[in-house]
Amino acid sequence: MIRANLHKDPDEVETEEEWAALYGQAIWLERWRNRNRAELIAALFSEKKH
């Protein structure tokens, strides 16, 4: 996830603290994308007319 979301090679991370911070950022970004995707799908298939 770190590599995919942040374009950083996790093998090059030097400390556990840096790895944990990058992992936290990657998780946040993944959740943000999934929430936006869910909202988009819900809007596309809702019965409300805009």
PDB file of N, CA and C in Angstrom:
ATOM      1  N   MET A   1       0.814  -1.187   0.000  1.00  0.00           N
ATOM      2  CA  MET A   1       0.000   0.000   0.000  1.00  0.00           C
ATOM      3  C   MET A   1       0.869   1.267   0.000  1.00  0.00           C
ATOM      4  N   ILE A   2       1.958   1.219   0.704  1.00  0.00           N
ATOM      5  CA  ILE A   2       2.852   2.382   0.733  1.00  0.00           C
ATOM      6  C   ILE A   2       3.368   2.664  -0.676  1.00  0.00           C
ATOM      7  N   ARG A   3       3.788   1.629  -1.353  1.00  0.00           N
ATOM      8  CA  ARG A   3       4.328   1.800  -2.707  1.00  0.00           C
ATOM      9  C   ARG A   3       3.249   2.298  -3.657  1.00  0.00           C
ATOM     10  N   ALA A   4       2.068   1.694  -3.592  1.00  0.00           N
ATOM     11  CA  ALA A   4       0.989   2.037  -4.521  1.00  0.00           C
ATOM     12  C   ALA A   4       0.433   3.436  -4.284  1.00  0.00           C
ATOM     13  N   ASN A   5       0.227   3.800  -3.037  1.00  0.00           N
ATOM     14  CA  ASN A   5      -0.414   5.079  -2.739  1.00  0.00           C
ATOM     15  C   ASN A   5       0.552   6.249  -2.633  1.00  0.00           C
ATOM     16  N   LEU A   6       1.752   5.991  -2.167  1.00  0.00           N
ATOM     17  CA  LEU A   6       2.684   7.091  -1.911  1.00  0.00           C
ATOM     18  C   LEU A   6       3.910   7.057  -2.827  1.00  0.00           C
ATOM     19  N   HIS A   7       4.008   6.055  -3.689  1.00  0.00           N
ATOM     20  CA  HIS A   7       5.117   5.924  -4.632  1.00  0.00           C
ATOM     21  C   HIS A   7       6.464   5.923  -3.924  1.00  0.00           C
ATOM     22  N   LYS A   8       6.502   5.242  -2.785  1.00  0.00           N
ATOM     23  CA  LYS A   8       7.738   5.120  -2.007  1.00  0.00           C
ATOM     24  C   LYS A   8       8.015   3.640  -1.796  1.00  0.00           C
ATOM     25  N   ASP A   9       9.236   3.216  -2.044  1.00  0.00           N
ATOM     26  CA  ASP A   9       9.622   1.826  -1.854  1.00  0.00           C
ATOM     27  C   ASP A   9       9.725   1.542  -0.350  1.00  0.00           C
ATOM     28  N   PRO A  10       8.873   0.663   0.176  1.00  0.00           N
ATOM     29  CA  PRO A  10       8.922   0.394   1.617  1.00  0.00           C
ATOM     30  C   PRO A  10      10.240  -0.244   2.062  1.00  0.00           C
ATOM     31  N   ASP A  11      10.960  -0.870   1.155  1.00  0.00           N
ATOM     32  CA  ASP A  11      12.253  -1.454   1.506  1.00  0.00           C
ATOM     33  C   ASP A  11      13.312  -0.381   1.761  1.00  0.00           C
ATOM     34  N   GLU A  12      13.069   0.828   1.310  1.00  0.00           N
ATOM     35  CA  GLU A  12      14.020   1.919   1.497  1.00  0.00           C
ATOM     36  C   GLU A  12      13.733   2.754   2.740  1.00  0.00           C
ATOM     37  N   VAL A  13      12.636   2.443   3.436  1.00  0.00           N
ATOM     38  CA  VAL A  13      12.293   3.173   4.659  1.00  0.00           C
ATOM     39  C   VAL A  13      13.304   2.794   5.733  1.00  0.00           C
ATOM     40  N   GLU A  14      13.856   3.790   6.406  1.00  0.00           N
ATOM     41  CA  GLU A  14      14.969   3.549   7.323  1.00  0.00           C
ATOM     42  C   GLU A  14      14.553   3.221   8.747  1.00  0.00           C
ATOM     43  N   THR A  15      13.452   3.785   9.219  1.00  0.00           N
ATOM     44  CA  THR A  15      13.078   3.553  10.613  1.00  0.00           C
ATOM     45  C   THR A  15      11.658   3.007  10.706  1.00  0.00           C
ATOM     46  N   GLU A  16      11.383   2.359  11.822  1.00  0.00           N
ATOM     47  CA  GLU A  16      10.027   1.860  12.062  1.00  0.00           C
ATOM     48  C   GLU A  16       9.042   3.015  12.186  1.00  0.00           C
ATOM     49  N   GLU A  17       9.496   4.126  12.748  1.00  0.00           N
ATOM     50  CA  GLU A  17       8.629   5.289  12.903  1.00  0.00           C
ATOM     51  C   GLU A  17       8.227   5.849  11.539  1.00  0.00           C
ATOM     52  N   GLU A  18       9.192   5.923  10.619  1.00  0.00           N
ATOM     53  CA  GLU A  18       8.897   6.415   9.272  1.00  0.00           C
ATOM     54  C   GLU A  18       7.938   5.462   8.562  1.00  0.00           C
ATOM     55  N   TRP A  19       8.175   4.155   8.720  1.00  0.00           N
ATOM     56  CA  TRP A  19       7.314   3.159   8.091  1.00  0.00           C
ATOM     57  C   TRP A  19       5.891   3.283   8.634  1.00  0.00           C
ATOM     58  N   ALA A  20       5.757   3.448   9.956  1.00  0.00           N
ATOM     59  CA  ALA A  20       4.434   3.579  10.566  1.00  0.00           C
ATOM     60  C   ALA A  20       3.731   4.838  10.071  1.00  0.00           C
ATOM     61  N   ALA A  21       4.463   5.942   9.947  1.00  0.00           N
ATOM     62  CA  ALA A  21       3.867   7.190   9.460  1.00  0.00           C
ATOM     63  C   ALA A  21       3.409   7.031   8.013  1.00  0.00           C
ATOM     64  N   LEU A  22       4.240   6.420   7.173  1.00  0.00           N
ATOM     65  CA  LEU A  22       3.864   6.207   5.773  1.00  0.00           C
ATOM     66  C   LEU A  22       2.668   5.265   5.666  1.00  0.00           C
ATOM     67  N   TYR A  23       2.644   4.229   6.481  1.00  0.00           N
ATOM     68  CA  TYR A  23       1.538   3.281   6.473  1.00  0.00           C
ATOM     69  C   TYR A  23       0.246   3.990   6.878  1.00  0.00           C
ATOM     70  N   GLY A  24       0.315   4.834   7.893  1.00  0.00           N
ATOM     71  CA  GLY A  24      -0.858   5.599   8.323  1.00  0.00           C
ATOM     72  C   GLY A  24      -1.369   6.509   7.221  1.00  0.00           C
ATOM     73  N   GLN A  25      -0.459   7.151   6.501  1.00  0.00           N
ATOM     74  CA  GLN A  25      -0.856   8.011   5.386  1.00  0.00           C
ATOM     75  C   GLN A  25      -1.493   7.197   4.264  1.00  0.00           C
ATOM     76  N   ALA A  26      -0.925   6.035   3.978  1.00  0.00           N
ATOM     77  CA  ALA A  26      -1.457   5.182   2.917  1.00  0.00           C
ATOM     78  C   ALA A  26      -2.854   4.673   3.276  1.00  0.00           C
ATOM     79  N   ILE A  27      -3.057   4.295   4.537  1.00  0.00           N
ATOM     80  CA  ILE A  27      -4.379   3.839   4.996  1.00  0.00           C
ATOM     81  C   ILE A  27      -5.386   4.971   4.878  1.00  0.00           C
ATOM     82  N   TRP A  28      -5.009   6.175   5.316  1.00  0.00           N
ATOM     83  CA  TRP A  28      -5.920   7.317   5.242  1.00  0.00           C
ATOM     84  C   TRP A  28      -6.317   7.585   3.798  1.00  0.00           C
ATOM     85  N   LEU A  29      -5.342   7.572   2.894  1.00  0.00           N
ATOM     86  CA  LEU A  29      -5.612   7.833   1.487  1.00  0.00           C
ATOM     87  C   LEU A  29      -6.523   6.765   0.883  1.00  0.00           C
ATOM     88  N   GLU A  30      -6.299   5.515   1.236  1.00  0.00           N
ATOM     89  CA  GLU A  30      -7.131   4.423   0.725  1.00  0.00           C
ATOM     90  C   GLU A  30      -8.580   4.567   1.212  1.00  0.00           C
ATOM     91  N   ARG A  31      -8.744   4.884   2.479  1.00  0.00           N
ATOM     92  CA  ARG A  31     -10.099   5.090   3.018  1.00  0.00           C
ATOM     93  C   ARG A  31     -10.780   6.279   2.352  1.00  0.00           C
ATOM     94  N   TRP A  32     -10.051   7.362   2.114  1.00  0.00           N
ATOM     95  CA  TRP A  32     -10.595   8.551   1.463  1.00  0.00           C
ATOM     96  C   TRP A  32     -11.067   8.213   0.051  1.00  0.00           C
ATOM     97  N   ARG A  33     -10.228   7.492  -0.681  1.00  0.00           N
ATOM     98  CA  ARG A  33     -10.607   7.089  -2.040  1.00  0.00           C
ATOM     99  C   ARG A  33     -11.837   6.187  -2.035  1.00  0.00           C
ATOM    100  N   ASN A  34     -11.859   5.221  -1.132  1.00  0.00           N
ATOM    101  CA  ASN A  34     -13.004   4.304  -1.067  1.00  0.00           C
ATOM    102  C   ASN A  34     -14.293   5.027  -0.689  1.00  0.00           C
ATOM    103  N   ARG A  35     -14.203   5.985   0.234  1.00  0.00           N
ATOM    104  CA  ARG A  35     -15.392   6.756   0.627  1.00  0.00           C
ATOM    105  C   ARG A  35     -15.897   7.580  -0.556  1.00  0.00           C
ATOM    106  N   ASN A  36     -14.984   8.217  -1.273  1.00  0.00           N
ATOM    107  CA  ASN A  36     -15.387   8.999  -2.451  1.00  0.00           C
ATOM    108  C   ASN A  36     -15.995   8.113  -3.523  1.00  0.00           C
ATOM    109  N   ARG A  37     -15.407   6.941  -3.722  1.00  0.00           N
ATOM    110  CA  ARG A  37     -15.925   6.002  -4.717  1.00  0.00           C
ATOM    111  C   ARG A  37     -17.336   5.548  -4.326  1.00  0.00           C
ATOM    112  N   ALA A  38     -17.543   5.259  -3.041  1.00  0.00           N
ATOM    113  CA  ALA A  38     -18.859   4.833  -2.566  1.00  0.00           C
ATOM    114  C   ALA A  38     -19.889   5.941  -2.753  1.00  0.00           C
ATOM    115  N   GLU A  39     -19.508   7.180  -2.462  1.00  0.00           N
ATOM    116  CA  GLU A  39     -20.426   8.304  -2.652  1.00  0.00           C
ATOM    117  C   GLU A  39     -20.764   8.494  -4.127  1.00  0.00           C
ATOM    118  N   LEU A  40     -19.788   8.326  -4.996  1.00  0.00           N
ATOM    119  CA  LEU A  40     -20.020   8.452  -6.428  1.00  0.00           C
ATOM    120  C   LEU A  40     -20.984   7.373  -6.915  1.00  0.00           C
ATOM    121  N   ILE A  41     -20.748   6.138  -6.511  1.00  0.00           N
ATOM    122  CA  ILE A  41     -21.624   5.046  -6.928  1.00  0.00           C
ATOM    123  C   ILE A  41     -23.033   5.251  -6.399  1.00  0.00           C
ATOM    124  N   ALA A  42     -23.151   5.682  -5.151  1.00  0.00           N
ATOM    125  CA  ALA A  42     -24.465   5.936  -4.579  1.00  0.00           C
ATOM    126  C   ALA A  42     -25.186   7.037  -5.348  1.00  0.00           C
ATOM    127  N   ALA A  43     -24.462   8.080  -5.720  1.00  0.00           N
ATOM    128  CA  ALA A  43     -25.076   9.179  -6.476  1.00  0.00           C
ATOM    129  C   ALA A  43     -25.502   8.711  -7.880  1.00  0.00           C
ATOM    130  N   LEU A  44     -24.698   7.878  -8.491  1.00  0.00           N
ATOM    131  CA  LEU A  44     -25.021   7.397  -9.839  1.00  0.00           C
ATOM    132  C   LEU A  44     -26.275   6.516  -9.861  1.00  0.00           C
ATOM    133  N   PHE A  45     -26.469   5.751  -8.805  1.00  0.00           N
ATOM    134  CA  PHE A  45     -27.566   4.805  -8.793  1.00  0.00           C
ATOM    135  C   PHE A  45     -28.745   5.226  -7.906  1.00  0.00           C
ATOM    136  N   SER A  46     -28.679   6.441  -7.385  1.00  0.00           N
ATOM    137  CA  SER A  46     -29.795   6.901  -6.560  1.00  0.00           C
ATOM    138  C   SER A  46     -30.990   7.224  -7.448  1.00  0.00           C
ATOM    139  N   GLU A  47     -32.178   7.167  -6.873  1.00  0.00           N
ATOM    140  CA  GLU A  47     -33.389   7.410  -7.632  1.00  0.00           C
ATOM    141  C   GLU A  47     -33.747   8.890  -7.700  1.00  0.00           C
ATOM    142  N   LYS A  48     -33.013   9.714  -6.966  1.00  0.00           N
ATOM    143  CA  LYS A  48     -33.274  11.147  -6.990  1.00  0.00           C
ATOM    144  C   LYS A  48     -32.861  11.722  -8.338  1.00  0.00           C
ATOM    145  N   LYS A  49     -33.686  12.611  -8.873  1.00  0.00           N
ATOM    146  CA  LYS A  49     -33.345  13.311 -10.111  1.00  0.00           C
ATOM    147  C   LYS A  49     -32.661  14.614  -9.725  1.00  0.00           C
ATOM    148  N   HIS A  50     -31.573  14.936 -10.372  1.00  0.00           N
ATOM    149  CA  HIS A  50     -30.848  16.190 -10.052  1.00  0.00           C
ATOM    150  C   HIS A  50     -31.194  17.253 -11.039  1.00  0.00           C
TER     151      HIS A  50
END
